[in-house]
């Protein structure tokens, strides 16, 4: 988690954002998005060959535009559901099925007319503790690239990490790769 935070800070300092309107919203002030993702069991966001995790995530998000240290951003209310869908010899994946409610902030580190790239962080609660993440308190880190499809529709590719920030001995984290769709209104 510490490495991802350092990478984000470096990216904030190294990559200036293009001037102009908020790349997440354009002329609109509200956004809803659906972000499904598939899990990886690695402690890192990068999946390795043979690194299979039998859990998925479905995230529903409502967002409004803002700025974060002069960078275009969006503030989010998120409701996610992590679903373990199989048991194997190494892990009982169905034991980690849990809803998560969290608040997050995303920023665009670099954008053009049709593309934007950024990062985000959040804090929230999962409904129950489990063996994978040993606390109800949960932190989120996200890296994404988005594409404007129309004035109202956006598509994002993302890597998302949830963990307890080492506040408990159990901190195997949830890590996801996914694609999301957003609608501005």
Foldseek 3Di string as FASTA:
>chain_A
DVVLVVVQVVLLVPFAADDDDQLVAHPFFKKKKKKKWAWFLALDQDHDVVGHAQKIKIKIKIWGWDDDVNFTKIKIWIKMWIARDDDDPPGDRRQPTWIKTKIKMWGFSYDDNFKTWTKMKIWTFIPDAGQQAGGRIKIKIKTWMKTDPDNFKIKIWMKMWMFNVPPDPRTSTIITTIMMMMGGD
